[in-house]
Amino acid sequence: SPGAADTLSDEARRLLHAAQRGWMFDDMGQWGPLKVDEPTWRDHARRS
């Protein structure tokens, strides 16, 4: 639906939409049942 983002430049609008889609911090269920060891969890934390 039309909104504030539509008033931005193309570059800014792309950046905002990408950031919104990449925000996974309140939807961790999309990762599913990960089975990883401690070093891998640390790697995940670093990337997150």
All heavy atoms as atom14 arrays in JSON, in Angstrom:
{
  "sequence": "SPGAADTLSDEARRLLHAAQRGWMFDDMGQWGPLKVDEPTWRDHARRS",
  "atom14_mask": [
    [1, 1, 1, 1, 1, 1, 0, 0, 0, 0, 0, 0, 0, 0],
    [1, 1, 1, 1, 1, 1, 1, 0, 0, 0, 0, 0, 0, 0],
    [1, 1, 1, 1, 0, 0, 0, 0, 0, 0, 0, 0, 0, 0],
    [1, 1, 1, 1, 1, 0, 0, 0, 0, 0, 0, 0, 0, 0],
    [1, 1, 1, 1, 1, 0, 0, 0, 0, 0, 0, 0, 0, 0],
    [1, 1, 1, 1, 1, 1, 1, 1, 0, 0, 0, 0, 0, 0],
    [1, 1, 1, 1, 1, 1, 1, 0, 0, 0, 0, 0, 0, 0],
    [1, 1, 1, 1, 1, 1, 1, 1, 0, 0, 0, 0, 0, 0],
    [1, 1, 1, 1, 1, 1, 0, 0, 0, 0, 0, 0, 0, 0],
    [1, 1, 1, 1, 1, 1, 1, 1, 0, 0, 0, 0, 0, 0],
    [1, 1, 1, 1, 1, 1, 1, 1, 1, 0, 0, 0, 0, 0],
    [1, 1, 1, 1, 1, 0, 0, 0, 0, 0, 0, 0, 0, 0],
    [1, 1, 1, 1, 1, 1, 1, 1, 1, 1, 1, 0, 0, 0],
    [1, 1, 1, 1, 1, 1, 1, 1, 1, 1, 1, 0, 0, 0],
    [1, 1, 1, 1, 1, 1, 1, 1, 0, 0, 0, 0, 0, 0],
    [1, 1, 1, 1, 1, 1, 1, 1, 0, 0, 0, 0, 0, 0],
    [1, 1, 1, 1, 1, 1, 1, 1, 1, 1, 0, 0, 0, 0],
    [1, 1, 1, 1, 1, 0, 0, 0, 0, 0, 0, 0, 0, 0],
    [1, 1, 1, 1, 1, 0, 0, 0, 0, 0, 0, 0, 0, 0],
    [1, 1, 1, 1, 1, 1, 1, 1, 1, 0, 0, 0, 0, 0],
    [1, 1, 1, 1, 1, 1, 1, 1, 1, 1, 1, 0, 0, 0],
    [1, 1, 1, 1, 0, 0, 0, 0, 0, 0, 0, 0, 0, 0],
    [1, 1, 1, 1, 1, 1, 1, 1, 1, 1, 1, 1, 1, 1],
    [1, 1, 1, 1, 1, 1, 1, 1, 0, 0, 0, 0, 0, 0],
    [1, 1, 1, 1, 1, 1, 1, 1, 1, 1, 1, 0, 0, 0],
    [1, 1, 1, 1, 1, 1, 1, 1, 0, 0, 0, 0, 0, 0],
    [1, 1, 1, 1, 1, 1, 1, 1, 0, 0, 0, 0, 0, 0],
    [1, 1, 1, 1, 1, 1, 1, 1, 0, 0, 0, 0, 0, 0],
    [1, 1, 1, 1, 0, 0, 0, 0, 0, 0, 0, 0, 0, 0],
    [1, 1, 1, 1, 1, 1, 1, 1, 1, 0, 0, 0, 0, 0],
    [1, 1, 1, 1, 1, 1, 1, 1, 1, 1, 1, 1, 1, 1],
    [1, 1, 1, 1, 0, 0, 0, 0, 0, 0, 0, 0, 0, 0],
    [1, 1, 1, 1, 1, 1, 1, 0, 0, 0, 0, 0, 0, 0],
    [1, 1, 1, 1, 1, 1, 1, 1, 0, 0, 0, 0, 0, 0],
    [1, 1, 1, 1, 1, 1, 1, 1, 1, 0, 0, 0, 0, 0],
    [1, 1, 1, 1, 1, 1, 1, 0, 0, 0, 0, 0, 0, 0],
    [1, 1, 1, 1, 1, 1, 1, 1, 0, 0, 0, 0, 0, 0],
    [1, 1, 1, 1, 1, 1, 1, 1, 1, 0, 0, 0, 0, 0],
    [1, 1, 1, 1, 1, 1, 1, 0, 0, 0, 0, 0, 0, 0],
    [1, 1, 1, 1, 1, 1, 1, 0, 0, 0, 0, 0, 0, 0],
    [1, 1, 1, 1, 1, 1, 1, 1, 1, 1, 1, 1, 1, 1],
    [1, 1, 1, 1, 1, 1, 1, 1, 1, 1, 1, 0, 0, 0],
    [1, 1, 1, 1, 1, 1, 1, 1, 0, 0, 0, 0, 0, 0],
    [1, 1, 1, 1, 1, 1, 1, 1, 1, 1, 0, 0, 0, 0],
    [1, 1, 1, 1, 1, 0, 0, 0, 0, 0, 0, 0, 0, 0],
    [1, 1, 1, 1, 1, 1, 1, 1, 1, 1, 1, 0, 0, 0],
    [1, 1, 1, 1, 1, 1, 1, 1, 1, 1, 1, 0, 0, 0],
    [1, 1, 1, 1, 1, 1, 0, 0, 0, 0, 0, 0, 0, 0]
  ],
  "atom14_positions": [
    [[0.85, -1.19, 0.0], [0.0, 0.0, 0.0], [0.88, 1.24, 0.0], [2.02, 1.2, 0.48], [-0.9, 0.01, 1.24], [-0.13, -0.04, 2.43], [0.0, 0.0, 0.0], [0.0, 0.0, 0.0], [0.0, 0.0, 0.0], [0.0, 0.0, 0.0], [0.0, 0.0, 0.0], [0.0, 0.0, 0.0], [0.0, 0.0, 0.0], [0.0, 0.0, 0.0]],
    [[0.41, 2.34, -0.55], [1.23, 3.56, -0.59], [1.66, 3.98, 0.8], [0.93, 3.8, 1.79], [0.28, 4.59, -1.22], [-0.72, 3.78, -1.98], [-0.9, 2.52, -1.19], [0.0, 0.0, 0.0], [0.0, 0.0, 0.0], [0.0, 0.0, 0.0], [0.0, 0.0, 0.0], [0.0, 0.0, 0.0], [0.0, 0.0, 0.0], [0.0, 0.0, 0.0]],
    [[2.88, 4.51, 0.9], [3.4, 4.93, 2.2], [4.56, 5.87, 2.06], [4.92, 6.31, 0.95], [0.0, 0.0, 0.0], [0.0, 0.0, 0.0], [0.0, 0.0, 0.0], [0.0, 0.0, 0.0], [0.0, 0.0, 0.0], [0.0, 0.0, 0.0], [0.0, 0.0, 0.0], [0.0, 0.0, 0.0], [0.0, 0.0, 0.0], [0.0, 0.0, 0.0]],
    [[5.18, 6.18, 3.19], [6.27, 7.16, 3.23], [7.43, 6.77, 2.34], [8.07, 7.62, 1.72], [6.73, 7.35, 4.67], [0.0, 0.0, 0.0], [0.0, 0.0, 0.0], [0.0, 0.0, 0.0], [0.0, 0.0, 0.0], [0.0, 0.0, 0.0], [0.0, 0.0, 0.0], [0.0, 0.0, 0.0], [0.0, 0.0, 0.0], [0.0, 0.0, 0.0]],
    [[7.74, 5.47, 2.26], [8.9, 5.03, 1.48], [8.79, 5.43, 0.02], [9.81, 5.62, -0.66], [9.08, 3.52, 1.6], [0.0, 0.0, 0.0], [0.0, 0.0, 0.0], [0.0, 0.0, 0.0], [0.0, 0.0, 0.0], [0.0, 0.0, 0.0], [0.0, 0.0, 0.0], [0.0, 0.0, 0.0], [0.0, 0.0, 0.0], [0.0, 0.0, 0.0]],
    [[7.58, 5.59, -0.48], [7.38, 5.95, -1.89], [7.85, 7.36, -2.2], [8.0, 7.72, -3.37], [5.91, 5.81, -2.27], [5.41, 4.38, -2.13], [6.17, 3.45, -2.5], [4.29, 4.18, -1.63], [0.0, 0.0, 0.0], [0.0, 0.0, 0.0], [0.0, 0.0, 0.0], [0.0, 0.0, 0.0], [0.0, 0.0, 0.0], [0.0, 0.0, 0.0]],
    [[8.09, 8.18, -1.17], [8.57, 9.55, -1.4], [10.09, 9.62, -1.45], [10.65, 10.68, -1.75], [8.07, 10.48, -0.28], [8.7, 10.15, 0.97], [6.56, 10.37, -0.11], [0.0, 0.0, 0.0], [0.0, 0.0, 0.0], [0.0, 0.0, 0.0], [0.0, 0.0, 0.0], [0.0, 0.0, 0.0], [0.0, 0.0, 0.0], [0.0, 0.0, 0.0]],
    [[10.78, 8.52, -1.16], [12.24, 8.5, -1.15], [12.8, 8.38, -2.55], [12.1, 7.98, -3.49], [12.74, 7.33, -0.3], [12.44, 7.35, 1.2], [12.84, 6.02, 1.84], [13.15, 8.51, 1.89], [0.0, 0.0, 0.0], [0.0, 0.0, 0.0], [0.0, 0.0, 0.0], [0.0, 0.0, 0.0], [0.0, 0.0, 0.0], [0.0, 0.0, 0.0]],
    [[14.09, 8.67, -2.68], [14.79, 8.39, -3.93], [14.82, 6.88, -4.17], [14.63, 6.08, -3.24], [16.22, 8.93, -3.87], [16.98, 8.18, -2.91], [0.0, 0.0, 0.0], [0.0, 0.0, 0.0], [0.0, 0.0, 0.0], [0.0, 0.0, 0.0], [0.0, 0.0, 0.0], [0.0, 0.0, 0.0], [0.0, 0.0, 0.0], [0.0, 0.0, 0.0]],
    [[15.06, 6.46, -5.4], [15.11, 5.03, -5.71], [16.15, 4.32, -4.85], [15.9, 3.23, -4.32], [15.43, 4.81, -7.18], [14.28, 5.2, -8.1], [13.14, 5.35, -7.6], [14.52, 5.37, -9.31], [0.0, 0.0, 0.0], [0.0, 0.0, 0.0], [0.0, 0.0, 0.0], [0.0, 0.0, 0.0], [0.0, 0.0, 0.0], [0.0, 0.0, 0.0]],
    [[17.32, 4.93, -4.7], [18.4, 4.31, -3.93], [18.0, 4.14, -2.47], [18.22, 3.08, -1.87], [19.67, 5.16, -4.04], [20.88, 4.56, -3.33], [22.1, 5.45, -3.43], [21.98, 6.6, -3.91], [23.19, 5.0, -3.02], [0.0, 0.0, 0.0], [0.0, 0.0, 0.0], [0.0, 0.0, 0.0], [0.0, 0.0, 0.0], [0.0, 0.0, 0.0]],
    [[17.42, 5.17, -1.9], [17.02, 5.1, -0.48], [15.88, 4.12, -0.28], [15.85, 3.38, 0.71], [16.62, 6.49, 0.01], [0.0, 0.0, 0.0], [0.0, 0.0, 0.0], [0.0, 0.0, 0.0], [0.0, 0.0, 0.0], [0.0, 0.0, 0.0], [0.0, 0.0, 0.0], [0.0, 0.0, 0.0], [0.0, 0.0, 0.0], [0.0, 0.0, 0.0]],
    [[14.94, 4.09, -1.22], [13.81, 3.17, -1.09], [14.27, 1.72, -1.18], [13.82, 0.86, -0.4], [12.77, 3.46, -2.19], [11.51, 2.64, -2.05], [10.4, 3.17, -2.94], [10.78, 3.22, -4.34], [11.03, 4.34, -5.02], [10.95, 5.52, -4.41], [11.37, 4.3, -6.3], [0.0, 0.0, 0.0], [0.0, 0.0, 0.0], [0.0, 0.0, 0.0]],
    [[15.19, 1.43, -2.1], [15.73, 0.06, -2.18], [16.42, -0.32, -0.89], [16.27, -1.46, -0.39], [16.71, -0.05, -3.36], [16.06, 0.05, -4.74], [17.0, -0.44, -5.82], [18.25, 0.32, -5.87], [18.45, 1.37, -6.64], [17.48, 1.81, -7.43], [19.61, 2.0, -6.65], [0.0, 0.0, 0.0], [0.0, 0.0, 0.0], [0.0, 0.0, 0.0]],
    [[17.18, 0.6, -0.33], [17.91, 0.33, 0.91], [16.94, 0.06, 2.05], [17.13, -0.9, 2.83], [18.81, 1.52, 1.24], [19.68, 1.4, 2.5], [20.68, 0.25, 2.35], [20.42, 2.72, 2.76], [0.0, 0.0, 0.0], [0.0, 0.0, 0.0], [0.0, 0.0, 0.0], [0.0, 0.0, 0.0], [0.0, 0.0, 0.0], [0.0, 0.0, 0.0]],
    [[15.9, 0.87, 2.17], [14.94, 0.68, 3.25], [14.2, -0.64, 3.11], [14.04, -1.4, 4.09], [13.95, 1.84, 3.27], [12.9, 1.81, 4.38], [13.55, 1.84, 5.75], [11.91, 2.96, 4.23], [0.0, 0.0, 0.0], [0.0, 0.0, 0.0], [0.0, 0.0, 0.0], [0.0, 0.0, 0.0], [0.0, 0.0, 0.0], [0.0, 0.0, 0.0]],
    [[13.75, -0.96, 1.92], [13.02, -2.22, 1.71], [13.9, -3.43, 1.98], [13.44, -4.44, 2.55], [12.47, -2.27, 0.28], [11.29, -1.37, 0.07], [10.83, -1.03, -1.18], [10.47, -0.73, 0.96], [9.78, -0.23, -1.07], [9.55, -0.03, 0.22], [0.0, 0.0, 0.0], [0.0, 0.0, 0.0], [0.0, 0.0, 0.0], [0.0, 0.0, 0.0]],
    [[15.17, -3.35, 1.57], [16.08, -4.47, 1.84], [16.33, -4.63, 3.33], [16.39, -5.76, 3.85], [17.4, -4.24, 1.1], [0.0, 0.0, 0.0], [0.0, 0.0, 0.0], [0.0, 0.0, 0.0], [0.0, 0.0, 0.0], [0.0, 0.0, 0.0], [0.0, 0.0, 0.0], [0.0, 0.0, 0.0], [0.0, 0.0, 0.0], [0.0, 0.0, 0.0]],
    [[16.48, -3.52, 4.04], [16.68, -3.59, 5.49], [15.46, -4.18, 6.18], [15.59, -5.0, 7.1], [16.99, -2.19, 6.04], [0.0, 0.0, 0.0], [0.0, 0.0, 0.0], [0.0, 0.0, 0.0], [0.0, 0.0, 0.0], [0.0, 0.0, 0.0], [0.0, 0.0, 0.0], [0.0, 0.0, 0.0], [0.0, 0.0, 0.0], [0.0, 0.0, 0.0]],
    [[14.28, -3.77, 5.75], [13.06, -4.31, 6.34], [12.94, -5.81, 6.11], [12.57, -6.55, 7.02], [11.84, -3.59, 5.76], [11.71, -2.15, 6.21], [10.61, -1.4, 5.5], [10.32, -1.65, 4.32], [9.96, -0.48, 6.19], [0.0, 0.0, 0.0], [0.0, 0.0, 0.0], [0.0, 0.0, 0.0], [0.0, 0.0, 0.0], [0.0, 0.0, 0.0]],
    [[13.28, -6.26, 4.91], [13.19, -7.69, 4.62], [14.27, -8.48, 5.37], [14.05, -9.63, 5.76], [13.31, -7.93, 3.11], [12.98, -9.35, 2.67], [11.53, -9.7, 2.92], [10.63, -8.82, 2.19], [10.25, -9.03, 0.93], [10.67, -10.1, 0.26], [9.41, -8.2, 0.34], [0.0, 0.0, 0.0], [0.0, 0.0, 0.0], [0.0, 0.0, 0.0]],
    [[15.42, -7.87, 5.56], [16.5, -8.57, 6.24], [16.4, -8.57, 7.75], [17.19, -9.23, 8.43], [0.0, 0.0, 0.0], [0.0, 0.0, 0.0], [0.0, 0.0, 0.0], [0.0, 0.0, 0.0], [0.0, 0.0, 0.0], [0.0, 0.0, 0.0], [0.0, 0.0, 0.0], [0.0, 0.0, 0.0], [0.0, 0.0, 0.0], [0.0, 0.0, 0.0]],
    [[15.43, -7.83, 8.3], [15.24, -7.78, 9.76], [14.6, -9.09, 10.2], [13.4, -9.29, 10.12], [14.35, -6.59, 10.12], [14.18, -6.36, 11.59], [13.44, -7.12, 12.45], [14.75, -5.31, 12.38], [13.52, -6.62, 13.73], [14.31, -5.5, 13.71], [15.59, -4.24, 12.08], [14.68, -4.64, 14.74], [15.95, -3.39, 13.11], [15.51, -3.59, 14.43]],
    [[15.43, -10.0, 10.74], [14.95, -11.32, 11.14], [14.93, -11.49, 12.66], [14.66, -12.58, 13.15], [15.87, -12.4, 10.54], [15.7, -12.6, 9.06], [14.44, -13.83, 8.69], [15.28, -15.33, 9.23], [0.0, 0.0, 0.0], [0.0, 0.0, 0.0], [0.0, 0.0, 0.0], [0.0, 0.0, 0.0], [0.0, 0.0, 0.0], [0.0, 0.0, 0.0]],
    [[15.2, -10.44, 13.38], [15.45, -10.57, 14.81], [14.18, -10.81, 15.62], [14.25, -11.24, 16.77], [16.17, -9.31, 15.31], [17.35, -8.95, 14.45], [17.27, -7.9, 13.55], [18.5, -9.7, 14.49], [18.34, -7.6, 12.72], [19.57, -9.41, 13.67], [19.49, -8.35, 12.77], [0.0, 0.0, 0.0], [0.0, 0.0, 0.0], [0.0, 0.0, 0.0]],
    [[13.01, -10.55, 15.03], [11.75, -10.83, 15.71], [11.0, -11.99, 15.05], [9.82, -12.18, 15.28], [10.85, -9.58, 15.73], [10.66, -8.97, 14.35], [11.23, -9.51, 13.39], [9.94, -7.96, 14.25], [0.0, 0.0, 0.0], [0.0, 0.0, 0.0], [0.0, 0.0, 0.0], [0.0, 0.0, 0.0], [0.0, 0.0, 0.0], [0.0, 0.0, 0.0]],
    [[11.7, -12.77, 14.24], [11.07, -13.89, 13.54], [12.06, -15.04, 13.4], [12.3, -15.54, 12.29], [10.57, -13.43, 12.17], [9.59, -14.43, 11.54], [9.19, -15.38, 12.24], [9.27, -14.27, 10.36], [0.0, 0.0, 0.0], [0.0, 0.0, 0.0], [0.0, 0.0, 0.0], [0.0, 0.0, 0.0], [0.0, 0.0, 0.0], [0.0, 0.0, 0.0]],
    [[12.64, -15.45, 14.51], [13.67, -16.48, 14.47], [13.13, -17.85, 14.08], [13.89, -18.76, 13.75], [14.37, -16.57, 15.84], [15.12, -15.31, 16.23], [16.4, -14.85, 15.04], [17.57, -16.18, 15.29], [0.0, 0.0, 0.0], [0.0, 0.0, 0.0], [0.0, 0.0, 0.0], [0.0, 0.0, 0.0], [0.0, 0.0, 0.0], [0.0, 0.0, 0.0]],
    [[11.8, -17.99, 14.08], [11.22, -19.28, 13.69], [11.54, -19.66, 12.26], [11.49, -20.85, 11.91], [0.0, 0.0, 0.0], [0.0, 0.0, 0.0], [0.0, 0.0, 0.0], [0.0, 0.0, 0.0], [0.0, 0.0, 0.0], [0.0, 0.0, 0.0], [0.0, 0.0, 0.0], [0.0, 0.0, 0.0], [0.0, 0.0, 0.0], [0.0, 0.0, 0.0]],
    [[11.89, -18.69, 11.42], [12.21, -19.0, 10.02], [13.52, -19.75, 9.88], [13.82, -20.27, 8.8], [12.25, -17.72, 9.19], [10.88, -17.07, 9.04], [10.81, -16.09, 7.9], [11.44, -16.27, 6.85], [10.03, -15.03, 8.08], [0.0, 0.0, 0.0], [0.0, 0.0, 0.0], [0.0, 0.0, 0.0], [0.0, 0.0, 0.0], [0.0, 0.0, 0.0]],
    [[14.31, -19.81, 10.94], [15.54, -20.59, 10.88], [15.25, -22.09, 11.0], [16.08, -22.91, 10.6], [16.49, -20.17, 12.0], [17.22, -18.91, 11.69], [16.94, -17.66, 12.15], [18.36, -18.75, 10.84], [17.82, -16.73, 11.64], [18.71, -17.38, 10.84], [19.13, -19.64, 10.08], [19.78, -16.88, 10.11], [20.19, -19.14, 9.35], [20.51, -17.79, 9.37]],
    [[14.1, -22.44, 11.55], [13.79, -23.85, 11.72], [14.63, -24.48, 12.82], [15.35, -23.8, 13.57], [0.0, 0.0, 0.0], [0.0, 0.0, 0.0], [0.0, 0.0, 0.0], [0.0, 0.0, 0.0], [0.0, 0.0, 0.0], [0.0, 0.0, 0.0], [0.0, 0.0, 0.0], [0.0, 0.0, 0.0], [0.0, 0.0, 0.0], [0.0, 0.0, 0.0]],
    [[14.61, -25.81, 12.93], [15.33, -26.52, 14.0], [16.82, -26.7, 13.68], [17.27, -27.78, 13.27], [14.61, -27.86, 14.08], [14.13, -28.09, 12.66], [13.78, -26.73, 12.11], [0.0, 0.0, 0.0], [0.0, 0.0, 0.0], [0.0, 0.0, 0.0], [0.0, 0.0, 0.0], [0.0, 0.0, 0.0], [0.0, 0.0, 0.0], [0.0, 0.0, 0.0]],
    [[17.59, -25.65, 13.85], [19.03, -25.75, 13.59], [19.69, -26.66, 14.62], [19.43, -26.58, 15.82], [19.68, -24.36, 13.66], [19.4, -23.39, 12.51], [20.06, -22.05, 12.81], [19.91, -23.96, 11.19], [0.0, 0.0, 0.0], [0.0, 0.0, 0.0], [0.0, 0.0, 0.0], [0.0, 0.0, 0.0], [0.0, 0.0, 0.0], [0.0, 0.0, 0.0]],
    [[20.57, -27.53, 14.12], [21.35, -28.39, 15.0], [22.82, -28.13, 14.72], [23.38, -28.61, 13.73], [21.01, -29.87, 14.75], [19.58, -30.23, 15.11], [19.3, -31.71, 14.87], [17.87, -32.06, 15.24], [17.57, -33.5, 15.02], [0.0, 0.0, 0.0], [0.0, 0.0, 0.0], [0.0, 0.0, 0.0], [0.0, 0.0, 0.0], [0.0, 0.0, 0.0]],
    [[23.42, -27.32, 15.59], [24.8, -26.9, 15.37], [25.57, -27.0, 16.68], [25.0, -27.01, 17.77], [24.87, -25.46, 14.84], [24.25, -25.36, 13.46], [24.16, -24.5, 15.77], [0.0, 0.0, 0.0], [0.0, 0.0, 0.0], [0.0, 0.0, 0.0], [0.0, 0.0, 0.0], [0.0, 0.0, 0.0], [0.0, 0.0, 0.0], [0.0, 0.0, 0.0]],
    [[26.91, -27.04, 16.56], [27.74, -27.11, 17.74], [28.08, -25.69, 18.22], [27.7, -24.69, 17.61], [29.02, -27.91, 17.46], [29.79, -27.38, 16.26], [29.57, -26.2, 15.88], [30.6, -28.12, 15.69], [0.0, 0.0, 0.0], [0.0, 0.0, 0.0], [0.0, 0.0, 0.0], [0.0, 0.0, 0.0], [0.0, 0.0, 0.0], [0.0, 0.0, 0.0]],
    [[28.82, -25.61, 19.32], [29.12, -24.31, 19.94], [29.89, -23.39, 19.01], [29.53, -22.2, 18.87], [29.9, -24.52, 21.24], [30.25, -23.24, 21.99], [29.03, -22.5, 22.51], [27.97, -23.14, 22.67], [29.13, -21.28, 22.73], [0.0, 0.0, 0.0], [0.0, 0.0, 0.0], [0.0, 0.0, 0.0], [0.0, 0.0, 0.0], [0.0, 0.0, 0.0]],
    [[30.94, -23.85, 18.33], [31.65, -22.95, 17.4], [30.74, -22.41, 16.29], [30.87, -21.25, 15.89], [32.76, -23.83, 16.83], [32.99, -24.87, 17.88], [31.63, -25.15, 18.44], [0.0, 0.0, 0.0], [0.0, 0.0, 0.0], [0.0, 0.0, 0.0], [0.0, 0.0, 0.0], [0.0, 0.0, 0.0], [0.0, 0.0, 0.0], [0.0, 0.0, 0.0]],
    [[29.82, -23.24, 15.82], [28.92, -22.79, 14.76], [27.94, -21.75, 15.29], [27.61, -20.77, 14.6], [28.15, -23.99, 14.17], [29.09, -24.99, 13.76], [27.32, -23.56, 12.97], [0.0, 0.0, 0.0], [0.0, 0.0, 0.0], [0.0, 0.0, 0.0], [0.0, 0.0, 0.0], [0.0, 0.0, 0.0], [0.0, 0.0, 0.0], [0.0, 0.0, 0.0]],
    [[27.46, -21.93, 16.52], [26.57, -20.93, 17.11], [27.3, -19.6, 17.28], [26.72, -18.52, 17.08], [26.06, -21.4, 18.48], [24.77, -22.17, 18.39], [24.55, -23.45, 18.78], [23.53, -21.69, 17.87], [23.24, -23.81, 18.54], [22.59, -22.74, 17.98], [23.11, -20.48, 17.32], [21.27, -22.62, 17.56], [21.79, -20.35, 16.91], [20.89, -21.41, 17.03]],
    [[28.56, -19.68, 17.63], [29.34, -18.44, 17.77], [29.48, -17.74, 16.41], [29.44, -16.51, 16.32], [30.71, -18.74, 18.36], [30.67, -19.16, 19.83], [32.06, -19.37, 20.39], [32.04, -19.78, 21.78], [31.92, -18.93, 22.8], [31.85, -17.63, 22.56], [31.88, -19.37, 24.04], [0.0, 0.0, 0.0], [0.0, 0.0, 0.0], [0.0, 0.0, 0.0]],
    [[29.66, -18.54, 15.36], [29.74, -17.97, 14.02], [28.41, -17.32, 13.64], [28.38, -16.22, 13.07], [30.1, -19.08, 13.03], [30.24, -18.55, 11.6], [30.76, -17.43, 11.43], [29.85, -19.27, 10.66], [0.0, 0.0, 0.0], [0.0, 0.0, 0.0], [0.0, 0.0, 0.0], [0.0, 0.0, 0.0], [0.0, 0.0, 0.0], [0.0, 0.0, 0.0]],
    [[27.31, -17.99, 13.97], [25.99, -17.43, 13.7], [25.79, -16.12, 14.47], [25.26, -15.14, 13.91], [24.9, -18.44, 14.1], [23.51, -17.93, 13.92], [22.82, -17.28, 14.92], [22.68, -17.97, 12.85], [21.63, -16.93, 14.47], [21.51, -17.34, 13.23], [0.0, 0.0, 0.0], [0.0, 0.0, 0.0], [0.0, 0.0, 0.0], [0.0, 0.0, 0.0]],
    [[26.23, -16.08, 15.72], [26.1, -14.87, 16.53], [26.91, -13.72, 15.93], [26.45, -12.57, 15.89], [26.53, -15.13, 17.96], [0.0, 0.0, 0.0], [0.0, 0.0, 0.0], [0.0, 0.0, 0.0], [0.0, 0.0, 0.0], [0.0, 0.0, 0.0], [0.0, 0.0, 0.0], [0.0, 0.0, 0.0], [0.0, 0.0, 0.0], [0.0, 0.0, 0.0]],
    [[28.11, -14.03, 15.45], [28.96, -13.0, 14.83], [28.29, -12.42, 13.59], [28.23, -11.2, 13.41], [30.32, -13.6, 14.47], [31.26, -12.63, 13.75], [32.5, -13.34, 13.24], [32.19, -14.34, 12.24], [31.92, -14.07, 10.96], [31.89, -12.81, 10.53], [31.68, -15.05, 10.11], [0.0, 0.0, 0.0], [0.0, 0.0, 0.0], [0.0, 0.0, 0.0]],
    [[27.77, -13.29, 12.75], [27.11, -12.83, 11.53], [25.82, -12.07, 11.84], [25.49, -11.08, 11.18], [26.82, -14.02, 10.61], [28.08, -14.76, 10.15], [27.71, -15.86, 9.18], [28.81, -16.78, 8.95], [29.1, -17.3, 7.77], [28.4, -16.99, 6.7], [30.11, -18.14, 7.64], [0.0, 0.0, 0.0], [0.0, 0.0, 0.0], [0.0, 0.0, 0.0]],
    [[25.1, -12.55, 12.84], [23.86, -11.87, 13.23], [24.13, -10.48, 13.77], [23.37, -9.53, 13.52], [23.1, -12.7, 14.28], [22.68, -13.94, 13.75], [0.0, 0.0, 0.0], [0.0, 0.0, 0.0], [0.0, 0.0, 0.0], [0.0, 0.0, 0.0], [0.0, 0.0, 0.0], [0.0, 0.0, 0.0], [0.0, 0.0, 0.0], [0.0, 0.0, 0.0]]
  ]
}
